[in-house]
Amino acid sequence: MERAARDERIRATFSALPPAQYEVVRLHFVEDLAHSEIAEQLNLPLGTVKSRLRLAFEKIRKDLGEIDE
């Protein structure tokens, strides 16, 4: 897969995440926050943060699973 096409597909996949999942993914990977820090910042139970990350990862894996390195 061409790099530009791959990059666009990655952007589209992240943009398609529900806002709540996108926010925890962004805080974890862009802001480099720990799960507990995300929970505190968003005033959510830790289990909710972990669940949102897990669901986001499942969707990302499903949508991007066939991208070649």
N, C-alpha and C. Protein backbone atom coordinates (compact mmCIF):
# COMPACT_ATOMS: atom_id res chain seq x y z
N MET A 1 0.84 -1.17 0.00
CA MET A 1 0.00 0.00 0.00
C MET A 1 0.89 1.24 0.00
N GLU A 2 0.54 2.19 -0.82
CA GLU A 2 1.29 3.43 -0.91
C GLU A 2 1.22 4.21 0.41
N ARG A 3 2.31 4.85 0.77
CA ARG A 3 2.38 5.53 2.07
C ARG A 3 1.27 6.57 2.25
N ALA A 4 1.03 7.40 1.25
CA ALA A 4 0.00 8.44 1.37
C ALA A 4 -1.37 7.81 1.59
N ALA A 5 -1.66 6.74 0.88
CA ALA A 5 -2.94 6.06 1.03
C ALA A 5 -3.05 5.43 2.41
N ARG A 6 -1.95 4.84 2.87
CA ARG A 6 -1.94 4.24 4.21
C ARG A 6 -2.16 5.30 5.28
N ASP A 7 -1.46 6.43 5.16
CA ASP A 7 -1.61 7.50 6.14
C ASP A 7 -3.03 8.04 6.16
N GLU A 8 -3.64 8.18 5.00
CA GLU A 8 -5.03 8.65 4.93
C GLU A 8 -5.97 7.65 5.58
N ARG A 9 -5.72 6.38 5.36
CA ARG A 9 -6.57 5.34 5.96
C ARG A 9 -6.45 5.37 7.49
N ILE A 10 -5.25 5.57 7.99
CA ILE A 10 -5.05 5.67 9.44
C ILE A 10 -5.80 6.87 9.99
N ARG A 11 -5.67 8.02 9.33
CA ARG A 11 -6.40 9.23 9.78
C ARG A 11 -7.90 8.99 9.78
N ALA A 12 -8.41 8.37 8.73
CA ALA A 12 -9.85 8.10 8.63
C ALA A 12 -10.31 7.16 9.74
N THR A 13 -9.50 6.16 10.04
CA THR A 13 -9.86 5.21 11.11
C THR A 13 -9.94 5.91 12.45
N PHE A 14 -8.98 6.74 12.77
CA PHE A 14 -9.00 7.46 14.04
C PHE A 14 -10.15 8.47 14.08
N SER A 15 -10.42 9.13 12.97
CA SER A 15 -11.51 10.09 12.91
C SER A 15 -12.87 9.43 13.08
N ALA A 16 -12.96 8.16 12.70
CA ALA A 16 -14.23 7.43 12.79
C ALA A 16 -14.52 6.90 14.19
N LEU A 17 -13.54 6.97 15.08
CA LEU A 17 -13.78 6.51 16.45
C LEU A 17 -14.83 7.40 17.11
N PRO A 18 -15.66 6.82 17.96
CA PRO A 18 -16.56 7.66 18.75
C PRO A 18 -15.75 8.68 19.55
N PRO A 19 -16.28 9.87 19.75
CA PRO A 19 -15.51 10.92 20.44
C PRO A 19 -14.93 10.49 21.80
N ALA A 20 -15.68 9.73 22.56
CA ALA A 20 -15.18 9.31 23.88
C ALA A 20 -13.96 8.40 23.75
N GLN A 21 -13.97 7.51 22.76
CA GLN A 21 -12.83 6.62 22.53
C GLN A 21 -11.66 7.41 21.96
N TYR A 22 -11.93 8.29 21.02
CA TYR A 22 -10.88 9.10 20.42
C TYR A 22 -10.13 9.90 21.49
N GLU A 23 -10.89 10.48 22.42
CA GLU A 23 -10.28 11.32 23.45
C GLU A 23 -9.33 10.52 24.34
N VAL A 24 -9.73 9.33 24.77
CA VAL A 24 -8.82 8.56 25.63
C VAL A 24 -7.60 8.07 24.85
N VAL A 25 -7.77 7.73 23.58
CA VAL A 25 -6.62 7.34 22.75
C VAL A 25 -5.67 8.53 22.59
N ARG A 26 -6.22 9.70 22.33
CA ARG A 26 -5.40 10.90 22.16
C ARG A 26 -4.64 11.23 23.45
N LEU A 27 -5.33 11.17 24.57
CA LEU A 27 -4.68 11.48 25.84
C LEU A 27 -3.58 10.47 26.17
N HIS A 28 -3.82 9.21 25.83
CA HIS A 28 -2.84 8.18 26.15
C HIS A 28 -1.61 8.27 25.26
N PHE A 29 -1.81 8.42 23.95
CA PHE A 29 -0.68 8.36 23.03
C PHE A 29 -0.08 9.72 22.68
N VAL A 30 -0.88 10.75 22.59
CA VAL A 30 -0.35 12.07 22.23
C VAL A 30 0.13 12.80 23.48
N GLU A 31 -0.70 12.78 24.52
CA GLU A 31 -0.35 13.47 25.76
C GLU A 31 0.47 12.59 26.70
N ASP A 32 0.59 11.31 26.37
CA ASP A 32 1.38 10.35 27.14
C ASP A 32 0.91 10.23 28.59
N LEU A 33 -0.41 10.23 28.78
CA LEU A 33 -0.96 10.10 30.13
C LEU A 33 -1.21 8.63 30.46
N ALA A 34 -1.03 8.29 31.70
CA ALA A 34 -1.35 6.95 32.19
C ALA A 34 -2.87 6.82 32.30
N HIS A 35 -3.33 5.59 32.35
CA HIS A 35 -4.78 5.35 32.45
C HIS A 35 -5.37 6.09 33.64
N SER A 36 -4.70 6.03 34.77
CA SER A 36 -5.22 6.69 35.98
C SER A 36 -5.26 8.22 35.81
N GLU A 37 -4.30 8.78 35.10
CA GLU A 37 -4.30 10.22 34.86
C GLU A 37 -5.44 10.63 33.93
N ILE A 38 -5.72 9.79 32.94
CA ILE A 38 -6.84 10.06 32.04
C ILE A 38 -8.15 10.02 32.82
N ALA A 39 -8.29 9.01 33.67
CA ALA A 39 -9.50 8.88 34.48
C ALA A 39 -9.70 10.12 35.34
N GLU A 40 -8.63 10.59 35.95
CA GLU A 40 -8.72 11.78 36.80
C GLU A 40 -9.07 13.01 35.99
N GLN A 41 -8.40 13.18 34.85
CA GLN A 41 -8.62 14.37 34.02
C GLN A 41 -10.04 14.42 33.47
N LEU A 42 -10.58 13.26 33.08
CA LEU A 42 -11.92 13.22 32.49
C LEU A 42 -13.01 12.95 33.52
N ASN A 43 -12.60 12.77 34.77
CA ASN A 43 -13.54 12.48 35.85
C ASN A 43 -14.36 11.21 35.54
N LEU A 44 -13.63 10.16 35.17
CA LEU A 44 -14.24 8.88 34.83
C LEU A 44 -13.66 7.79 35.71
N PRO A 45 -14.41 6.71 35.92
CA PRO A 45 -13.82 5.55 36.59
C PRO A 45 -12.69 4.97 35.75
N LEU A 46 -11.67 4.44 36.41
CA LEU A 46 -10.54 3.84 35.70
C LEU A 46 -11.01 2.74 34.75
N GLY A 47 -11.96 1.94 35.17
CA GLY A 47 -12.48 0.86 34.33
C GLY A 47 -13.09 1.37 33.04
N THR A 48 -13.72 2.53 33.08
CA THR A 48 -14.30 3.13 31.87
C THR A 48 -13.21 3.53 30.90
N VAL A 49 -12.14 4.11 31.40
CA VAL A 49 -11.01 4.50 30.55
C VAL A 49 -10.43 3.26 29.88
N LYS A 50 -10.20 2.21 30.65
CA LYS A 50 -9.63 0.98 30.09
C LYS A 50 -10.56 0.37 29.06
N SER A 51 -11.85 0.39 29.33
CA SER A 51 -12.82 -0.16 28.40
C SER A 51 -12.84 0.63 27.09
N ARG A 52 -12.81 1.94 27.19
CA ARG A 52 -12.80 2.77 25.98
C ARG A 52 -11.55 2.54 25.16
N LEU A 53 -10.42 2.40 25.82
CA LEU A 53 -9.18 2.11 25.09
C LEU A 53 -9.25 0.75 24.41
N ARG A 54 -9.75 -0.25 25.13
CA ARG A 54 -9.86 -1.59 24.57
C ARG A 54 -10.77 -1.59 23.34
N LEU A 55 -11.93 -0.95 23.44
CA LEU A 55 -12.86 -0.89 22.32
C LEU A 55 -12.25 -0.15 21.13
N ALA A 56 -11.53 0.93 21.41
CA ALA A 56 -10.88 1.68 20.34
C ALA A 56 -9.82 0.82 19.65
N PHE A 57 -9.01 0.10 20.44
CA PHE A 57 -7.98 -0.76 19.86
C PHE A 57 -8.59 -1.85 19.00
N GLU A 58 -9.70 -2.42 19.44
CA GLU A 58 -10.36 -3.46 18.66
C GLU A 58 -10.80 -2.91 17.31
N LYS A 59 -11.39 -1.72 17.31
CA LYS A 59 -11.84 -1.11 16.06
C LYS A 59 -10.65 -0.77 15.17
N ILE A 60 -9.60 -0.22 15.75
CA ILE A 60 -8.41 0.13 14.97
C ILE A 60 -7.80 -1.12 14.35
N ARG A 61 -7.66 -2.19 15.15
CA ARG A 61 -7.11 -3.45 14.62
C ARG A 61 -7.97 -3.99 13.48
N LYS A 62 -9.28 -3.94 13.65
CA LYS A 62 -10.19 -4.44 12.63
C LYS A 62 -10.06 -3.63 11.34
N ASP A 63 -10.05 -2.31 11.49
CA ASP A 63 -10.01 -1.43 10.32
C ASP A 63 -8.65 -1.40 9.63
N LEU A 64 -7.58 -1.56 10.40
CA LEU A 64 -6.24 -1.44 9.83
C LEU A 64 -5.50 -2.76 9.75
N GLY A 65 -6.13 -3.83 10.11
CA GLY A 65 -5.48 -5.13 10.20
C GLY A 65 -4.77 -5.58 8.94
N GLU A 66 -5.29 -5.18 7.79
CA GLU A 66 -4.67 -5.67 6.56
C GLU A 66 -3.69 -4.68 5.92
N ILE A 67 -3.33 -3.63 6.64
CA ILE A 67 -2.31 -2.70 6.10
C ILE A 67 -0.95 -3.38 6.16
N ASP A 68 -0.25 -3.33 5.05
CA ASP A 68 1.10 -3.91 4.98
C ASP A 68 2.10 -2.92 5.54
N GLU A 69 3.09 -3.43 6.21
CA GLU A 69 4.17 -2.58 6.74
C GLU A 69 5.11 -2.21 5.62
